Amino acid sequence: MPSDDRSSDEVRPSTVLVLEPEILVRMIIADYLRDCGFKVFEGVTADDVVAVLESGQKIDIIFAEVQLGGRMDGFGLAQWVRDKQPDTDVILTSGIARAAEKAGDLCDEGLLEKPYHPQEVLRRINILLERRRTTPQA
């Protein structure tokens, strides 16, 4: 009798959390990534990300706007993730030119300047996922 158990070799879909206060931008990116096969969560503030991560939900990559409402901006969130969830990668985005200088080492794939195309978001996510597959685990 065939087993219903999934193979341990089966790859789960990667999970991305899109954090963007502008609803139309967030919907476009989230829908595009879903169409590309990702499991996607959406949020508006850094508190949304903290709640998802503290619930135990595994998030592979956070794609976040730098300018957020609430107690943390994107930079603060990236630092929090680096400290509390080091296996989660962060890609920051901003329409402010000075943001790239401040992003420094907080971004795993650099700061993505607005305006951007959804394909560029996907490209950067895929770079991070490939890096995970090819980097030996400690």
N, C-alpha and C. Protein backbone atom coordinates (compact mmCIF):
# COMPACT_ATOMS: atom_id res chain seq x y z
N MET A 1 0.84 -1.18 0.00
CA MET A 1 0.00 0.00 0.00
C MET A 1 0.88 1.24 0.00
N PRO A 2 0.67 2.17 -0.93
CA PRO A 2 1.50 3.37 -0.99
C PRO A 2 1.33 4.23 0.25
N SER A 3 2.41 4.86 0.64
CA SER A 3 2.41 5.72 1.81
C SER A 3 2.00 7.13 1.41
N ASP A 4 1.26 7.78 2.29
CA ASP A 4 0.89 9.17 2.06
C ASP A 4 1.96 10.12 2.58
N ASP A 5 2.98 9.57 3.24
CA ASP A 5 4.04 10.42 3.78
C ASP A 5 4.82 11.05 2.64
N ARG A 6 5.14 12.29 2.81
CA ARG A 6 5.94 12.98 1.79
C ARG A 6 7.39 12.62 1.98
N SER A 7 8.09 12.57 0.89
CA SER A 7 9.52 12.26 0.93
C SER A 7 10.26 13.35 1.67
N SER A 8 11.28 12.94 2.43
CA SER A 8 12.08 13.94 3.13
C SER A 8 12.90 14.78 2.15
N ASP A 9 13.02 14.30 0.90
CA ASP A 9 13.74 15.05 -0.13
C ASP A 9 12.88 16.12 -0.78
N GLU A 10 11.56 16.09 -0.52
CA GLU A 10 10.68 17.05 -1.16
C GLU A 10 10.97 18.44 -0.62
N VAL A 11 11.08 19.39 -1.50
CA VAL A 11 11.41 20.76 -1.12
C VAL A 11 10.11 21.52 -0.86
N ARG A 12 10.03 22.14 0.30
CA ARG A 12 8.85 22.95 0.60
C ARG A 12 8.98 24.27 -0.15
N PRO A 13 7.85 24.89 -0.47
CA PRO A 13 7.96 26.19 -1.12
C PRO A 13 8.62 27.19 -0.17
N SER A 14 9.45 28.03 -0.70
CA SER A 14 10.08 29.06 0.11
C SER A 14 9.02 30.06 0.55
N THR A 15 9.23 30.62 1.74
CA THR A 15 8.26 31.55 2.33
C THR A 15 8.86 32.95 2.39
N VAL A 16 8.10 33.90 1.86
CA VAL A 16 8.53 35.29 1.82
C VAL A 16 7.49 36.13 2.56
N LEU A 17 7.95 37.06 3.37
CA LEU A 17 7.06 38.01 4.00
C LEU A 17 7.30 39.37 3.34
N VAL A 18 6.25 39.91 2.74
CA VAL A 18 6.33 41.20 2.06
C VAL A 18 5.80 42.25 3.02
N LEU A 19 6.66 43.18 3.39
CA LEU A 19 6.32 44.22 4.34
C LEU A 19 6.37 45.56 3.62
N GLU A 20 5.20 46.09 3.34
CA GLU A 20 5.10 47.32 2.54
C GLU A 20 3.83 48.06 2.97
N PRO A 21 3.97 49.31 3.43
CA PRO A 21 2.79 50.06 3.87
C PRO A 21 1.83 50.45 2.74
N GLU A 22 2.33 50.60 1.53
CA GLU A 22 1.46 50.97 0.40
C GLU A 22 0.76 49.72 -0.12
N ILE A 23 -0.56 49.67 0.05
CA ILE A 23 -1.31 48.46 -0.23
C ILE A 23 -1.17 47.98 -1.68
N LEU A 24 -1.20 48.88 -2.65
CA LEU A 24 -1.12 48.45 -4.04
C LEU A 24 0.25 47.85 -4.37
N VAL A 25 1.30 48.46 -3.85
CA VAL A 25 2.65 47.94 -4.07
C VAL A 25 2.76 46.56 -3.42
N ARG A 26 2.28 46.46 -2.17
CA ARG A 26 2.33 45.19 -1.45
C ARG A 26 1.56 44.09 -2.21
N MET A 27 0.37 44.42 -2.69
CA MET A 27 -0.45 43.42 -3.39
C MET A 27 0.22 42.97 -4.69
N ILE A 28 0.79 43.89 -5.43
CA ILE A 28 1.45 43.54 -6.69
C ILE A 28 2.60 42.58 -6.44
N ILE A 29 3.46 42.90 -5.48
CA ILE A 29 4.62 42.05 -5.20
C ILE A 29 4.17 40.72 -4.62
N ALA A 30 3.26 40.74 -3.66
CA ALA A 30 2.80 39.50 -3.03
C ALA A 30 2.13 38.58 -4.06
N ASP A 31 1.27 39.12 -4.89
CA ASP A 31 0.60 38.30 -5.91
C ASP A 31 1.60 37.74 -6.92
N TYR A 32 2.55 38.55 -7.33
CA TYR A 32 3.57 38.09 -8.27
C TYR A 32 4.37 36.92 -7.68
N LEU A 33 4.78 37.08 -6.42
CA LEU A 33 5.56 36.00 -5.80
C LEU A 33 4.72 34.74 -5.61
N ARG A 34 3.44 34.89 -5.28
CA ARG A 34 2.56 33.71 -5.19
C ARG A 34 2.47 33.01 -6.55
N ASP A 35 2.32 33.81 -7.60
CA ASP A 35 2.26 33.24 -8.95
C ASP A 35 3.55 32.50 -9.31
N CYS A 36 4.65 32.89 -8.69
CA CYS A 36 5.95 32.24 -8.92
C CYS A 36 6.16 31.03 -8.01
N GLY A 37 5.17 30.71 -7.18
CA GLY A 37 5.24 29.50 -6.37
C GLY A 37 5.66 29.68 -4.92
N PHE A 38 5.81 30.91 -4.47
CA PHE A 38 6.20 31.16 -3.09
C PHE A 38 4.97 31.18 -2.18
N LYS A 39 5.19 30.79 -0.94
CA LYS A 39 4.20 31.01 0.11
C LYS A 39 4.48 32.43 0.60
N VAL A 40 3.46 33.28 0.64
CA VAL A 40 3.67 34.69 0.94
C VAL A 40 2.79 35.13 2.10
N PHE A 41 3.42 35.82 3.04
CA PHE A 41 2.71 36.54 4.09
C PHE A 41 2.86 38.02 3.78
N GLU A 42 1.90 38.81 4.24
CA GLU A 42 1.96 40.25 4.02
C GLU A 42 1.87 40.98 5.36
N GLY A 43 2.54 42.13 5.42
CA GLY A 43 2.48 42.95 6.61
C GLY A 43 2.64 44.41 6.27
N VAL A 44 2.32 45.25 7.27
CA VAL A 44 2.38 46.70 7.08
C VAL A 44 3.44 47.33 7.99
N THR A 45 3.62 46.77 9.19
CA THR A 45 4.58 47.32 10.13
C THR A 45 5.56 46.23 10.57
N ALA A 46 6.65 46.65 11.17
CA ALA A 46 7.63 45.69 11.70
C ALA A 46 7.00 44.80 12.75
N ASP A 47 6.04 45.32 13.49
CA ASP A 47 5.35 44.51 14.50
C ASP A 47 4.66 43.30 13.85
N ASP A 48 4.19 43.44 12.61
CA ASP A 48 3.58 42.31 11.91
C ASP A 48 4.60 41.20 11.69
N VAL A 49 5.82 41.57 11.33
CA VAL A 49 6.88 40.59 11.11
C VAL A 49 7.26 39.91 12.42
N VAL A 50 7.43 40.70 13.46
CA VAL A 50 7.80 40.15 14.76
C VAL A 50 6.75 39.14 15.21
N ALA A 51 5.47 39.48 15.05
CA ALA A 51 4.39 38.58 15.46
C ALA A 51 4.44 37.26 14.69
N VAL A 52 4.66 37.32 13.39
CA VAL A 52 4.73 36.11 12.57
C VAL A 52 5.92 35.25 12.99
N LEU A 53 7.08 35.87 13.13
CA LEU A 53 8.28 35.10 13.50
C LEU A 53 8.18 34.54 14.92
N GLU A 54 7.64 35.30 15.84
CA GLU A 54 7.51 34.81 17.22
C GLU A 54 6.44 33.73 17.35
N SER A 55 5.56 33.62 16.37
CA SER A 55 4.55 32.55 16.38
C SER A 55 5.16 31.20 16.01
N GLY A 56 6.40 31.24 15.53
CA GLY A 56 7.07 30.00 15.12
C GLY A 56 7.02 29.74 13.63
N GLN A 57 6.34 30.60 12.89
CA GLN A 57 6.26 30.44 11.44
C GLN A 57 7.65 30.64 10.82
N LYS A 58 8.05 29.72 9.97
CA LYS A 58 9.34 29.81 9.29
C LYS A 58 9.22 30.77 8.11
N ILE A 59 10.02 31.81 8.12
CA ILE A 59 10.09 32.76 7.01
C ILE A 59 11.50 32.70 6.46
N ASP A 60 11.63 32.46 5.16
CA ASP A 60 12.95 32.39 4.55
C ASP A 60 13.51 33.77 4.26
N ILE A 61 12.65 34.64 3.71
CA ILE A 61 13.12 35.96 3.27
C ILE A 61 12.06 37.00 3.61
N ILE A 62 12.52 38.13 4.12
CA ILE A 62 11.66 39.27 4.36
C ILE A 62 12.03 40.33 3.34
N PHE A 63 11.03 40.81 2.61
CA PHE A 63 11.20 41.91 1.67
C PHE A 63 10.49 43.10 2.27
N ALA A 64 11.24 44.10 2.74
CA ALA A 64 10.65 45.17 3.54
C ALA A 64 11.02 46.56 3.07
N GLU A 65 10.04 47.42 3.10
CA GLU A 65 10.24 48.87 2.90
C GLU A 65 11.01 49.41 4.10
N VAL A 66 11.88 50.37 3.86
CA VAL A 66 12.64 50.99 4.94
C VAL A 66 11.74 51.87 5.81
N GLN A 67 10.87 52.64 5.17
CA GLN A 67 10.02 53.57 5.91
C GLN A 67 8.73 52.86 6.33
N LEU A 68 8.67 52.54 7.61
CA LEU A 68 7.51 51.84 8.16
C LEU A 68 6.93 52.64 9.31
N GLY A 69 5.63 52.49 9.53
CA GLY A 69 5.03 53.04 10.73
C GLY A 69 5.32 52.10 11.89
N GLY A 70 5.06 52.55 13.09
CA GLY A 70 5.26 51.69 14.25
C GLY A 70 6.58 51.97 14.94
N ARG A 71 6.97 51.04 15.79
CA ARG A 71 8.14 51.27 16.65
C ARG A 71 9.48 51.03 15.98
N MET A 72 9.49 50.37 14.82
CA MET A 72 10.75 50.09 14.11
C MET A 72 10.62 50.44 12.65
N ASP A 73 11.70 50.99 12.09
CA ASP A 73 11.74 51.16 10.64
C ASP A 73 12.36 49.89 10.04
N GLY A 74 12.56 49.88 8.74
CA GLY A 74 13.12 48.69 8.09
C GLY A 74 14.52 48.36 8.57
N PHE A 75 15.32 49.39 8.88
CA PHE A 75 16.67 49.14 9.38
C PHE A 75 16.62 48.47 10.75
N GLY A 76 15.76 48.98 11.63
CA GLY A 76 15.61 48.38 12.95
C GLY A 76 15.11 46.95 12.85
N LEU A 77 14.18 46.72 11.92
CA LEU A 77 13.68 45.37 11.71
C LEU A 77 14.79 44.45 11.22
N ALA A 78 15.57 44.90 10.26
CA ALA A 78 16.66 44.08 9.73
C ALA A 78 17.63 43.70 10.84
N GLN A 79 17.94 44.64 11.74
CA GLN A 79 18.82 44.34 12.86
C GLN A 79 18.18 43.35 13.82
N TRP A 80 16.89 43.52 14.09
CA TRP A 80 16.16 42.59 14.97
C TRP A 80 16.18 41.18 14.39
N VAL A 81 15.91 41.08 13.09
CA VAL A 81 15.91 39.77 12.43
C VAL A 81 17.30 39.16 12.49
N ARG A 82 18.33 39.94 12.21
CA ARG A 82 19.70 39.45 12.27
C ARG A 82 20.03 38.90 13.66
N ASP A 83 19.56 39.58 14.72
CA ASP A 83 19.84 39.17 16.10
C ASP A 83 18.99 37.97 16.53
N LYS A 84 17.70 37.97 16.17
CA LYS A 84 16.76 36.97 16.69
C LYS A 84 16.49 35.80 15.75
N GLN A 85 16.60 36.03 14.45
CA GLN A 85 16.28 35.01 13.44
C GLN A 85 17.36 34.99 12.36
N PRO A 86 18.59 34.63 12.70
CA PRO A 86 19.69 34.76 11.74
C PRO A 86 19.54 33.90 10.48
N ASP A 87 18.66 32.94 10.48
CA ASP A 87 18.45 32.13 9.28
C ASP A 87 17.48 32.78 8.30
N THR A 88 16.91 33.91 8.66
CA THR A 88 15.99 34.63 7.79
C THR A 88 16.75 35.75 7.10
N ASP A 89 16.68 35.77 5.78
CA ASP A 89 17.35 36.82 5.01
C ASP A 89 16.42 38.03 4.87
N VAL A 90 17.03 39.20 4.69
CA VAL A 90 16.27 40.44 4.56
C VAL A 90 16.72 41.18 3.31
N ILE A 91 15.74 41.63 2.54
CA ILE A 91 15.97 42.54 1.42
C ILE A 91 15.19 43.80 1.75
N LEU A 92 15.88 44.94 1.77
CA LEU A 92 15.22 46.21 2.04
C LEU A 92 15.02 46.98 0.74
N THR A 93 13.98 47.79 0.73
CA THR A 93 13.70 48.63 -0.42
C THR A 93 13.34 50.04 0.05
N SER A 94 13.65 51.02 -0.78
CA SER A 94 13.33 52.41 -0.43
C SER A 94 13.40 53.29 -1.67
N GLY A 95 12.63 54.34 -1.61
CA GLY A 95 12.70 55.35 -2.66
C GLY A 95 13.58 56.51 -2.26
N ILE A 96 14.21 56.42 -1.09
CA ILE A 96 15.07 57.50 -0.59
C ILE A 96 16.52 57.17 -0.91
N ALA A 97 17.19 58.06 -1.61
CA ALA A 97 18.56 57.80 -2.06
C ALA A 97 19.52 57.54 -0.90
N ARG A 98 19.38 58.25 0.20
CA ARG A 98 20.29 58.10 1.34
C ARG A 98 20.16 56.74 2.02
N ALA A 99 19.09 56.04 1.79
CA ALA A 99 18.84 54.77 2.47
C ALA A 99 19.90 53.72 2.14
N ALA A 100 20.41 53.74 0.92
CA ALA A 100 21.41 52.74 0.52
C ALA A 100 22.66 52.83 1.39
N GLU A 101 23.06 54.05 1.73
CA GLU A 101 24.25 54.22 2.57
C GLU A 101 24.03 53.62 3.95
N LYS A 102 22.86 53.82 4.51
CA LYS A 102 22.56 53.35 5.86
C LYS A 102 22.33 51.83 5.89
N ALA A 103 21.93 51.26 4.78
CA ALA A 103 21.60 49.83 4.75
C ALA A 103 22.79 48.96 5.09
N GLY A 104 23.95 49.31 4.54
CA GLY A 104 25.18 48.59 4.85
C GLY A 104 25.05 47.09 4.89
N ASP A 105 25.50 46.50 5.98
CA ASP A 105 25.49 45.05 6.13
C ASP A 105 24.16 44.49 6.60
N LEU A 106 23.16 45.35 6.79
CA LEU A 106 21.86 44.85 7.26
C LEU A 106 21.09 44.13 6.17
N CYS A 107 21.41 44.41 4.92
CA CYS A 107 20.70 43.80 3.80
C CYS A 107 21.49 42.63 3.26
N ASP A 108 20.81 41.51 3.06
CA ASP A 108 21.49 40.33 2.56
C ASP A 108 21.73 40.39 1.05
N GLU A 109 20.96 41.19 0.35
CA GLU A 109 21.15 41.31 -1.10
C GLU A 109 21.05 42.78 -1.50
N GLY A 110 21.61 43.64 -0.68
CA GLY A 110 21.63 45.06 -0.99
C GLY A 110 20.26 45.70 -0.89
N LEU A 111 20.24 47.00 -0.96
CA LEU A 111 19.00 47.75 -0.92
C LEU A 111 18.46 47.90 -2.34
N LEU A 112 17.21 47.57 -2.52
CA LEU A 112 16.56 47.68 -3.82
C LEU A 112 15.87 49.04 -3.89
N GLU A 113 16.35 49.88 -4.80
CA GLU A 113 15.80 51.23 -4.92
C GLU A 113 14.49 51.22 -5.69
N LYS A 114 13.54 52.03 -5.21
CA LYS A 114 12.27 52.21 -5.90
C LYS A 114 12.45 53.28 -6.95
N PRO A 115 11.76 53.20 -8.05
CA PRO A 115 10.82 52.14 -8.42
C PRO A 115 11.57 50.91 -8.91
N TYR A 116 10.96 49.75 -8.74
CA TYR A 116 11.55 48.49 -9.18
C TYR A 116 10.48 47.66 -9.87
N HIS A 117 10.93 46.65 -10.59
CA HIS A 117 10.02 45.71 -11.24
C HIS A 117 9.90 44.46 -10.38
N PRO A 118 8.75 43.83 -10.35
CA PRO A 118 8.61 42.58 -9.58
C PRO A 118 9.66 41.54 -9.96
N GLN A 119 10.08 41.53 -11.23
CA GLN A 119 11.09 40.57 -11.67
C GLN A 119 12.41 40.78 -10.95
N GLU A 120 12.72 42.03 -10.60
CA GLU A 120 13.96 42.31 -9.87
C GLU A 120 13.87 41.80 -8.43
N VAL A 121 12.70 41.90 -7.83
CA VAL A 121 12.49 41.34 -6.50
C VAL A 121 12.71 39.82 -6.56
N LEU A 122 12.11 39.19 -7.53
CA LEU A 122 12.26 37.74 -7.71
C LEU A 122 13.73 37.37 -7.94
N ARG A 123 14.43 38.14 -8.75
CA ARG A 123 15.84 37.85 -9.02
C ARG A 123 16.65 37.87 -7.72
N ARG A 124 16.43 38.88 -6.91
CA ARG A 124 17.18 38.98 -5.65
C ARG A 124 16.81 37.87 -4.68
N ILE A 125 15.55 37.52 -4.63
CA ILE A 125 15.12 36.40 -3.78
C ILE A 125 15.80 35.12 -4.24
N ASN A 126 15.81 34.89 -5.53
CA ASN A 126 16.44 33.68 -6.06
C ASN A 126 17.94 33.63 -5.79
N ILE A 127 18.59 34.77 -5.82
CA ILE A 127 20.02 34.82 -5.47
C ILE A 127 20.22 34.34 -4.03
N LEU A 128 19.39 34.84 -3.12
CA LEU A 128 19.52 34.43 -1.72
C LEU A 128 19.21 32.95 -1.54
N LEU A 129 18.20 32.45 -2.21
CA LEU A 129 17.85 31.04 -2.08
C LEU A 129 18.95 30.15 -2.65
N GLU A 130 19.54 30.56 -3.76
CA GLU A 130 20.65 29.79 -4.34
C GLU A 130 21.86 29.81 -3.41
N ARG A 131 22.11 30.95 -2.81
CA ARG A 131 23.22 31.06 -1.86
C ARG A 131 23.01 30.09 -0.68
N ARG A 132 21.78 29.95 -0.23
CA ARG A 132 21.48 29.00 0.86
C ARG A 132 21.76 27.56 0.42
N ARG A 133 21.40 27.25 -0.82
CA ARG A 133 21.58 25.87 -1.31
C ARG A 133 23.06 25.52 -1.49
N THR A 134 23.86 26.51 -1.80
CA THR A 134 25.26 26.23 -2.11
C THR A 134 26.22 26.52 -0.96
N THR A 135 25.71 27.11 0.13
CA THR A 135 26.56 27.42 1.28
C THR A 135 26.45 26.29 2.30
N PRO A 136 27.59 25.69 2.67
CA PRO A 136 27.54 24.62 3.67
C PRO A 136 26.98 25.13 4.99
N GLN A 137 26.13 24.31 5.61
CA GLN A 137 25.56 24.68 6.91
C GLN A 137 26.60 24.44 8.01
N ALA A 138 26.61 25.34 8.99
CA ALA A 138 27.57 25.24 10.11
C ALA A 138 27.18 24.13 11.06
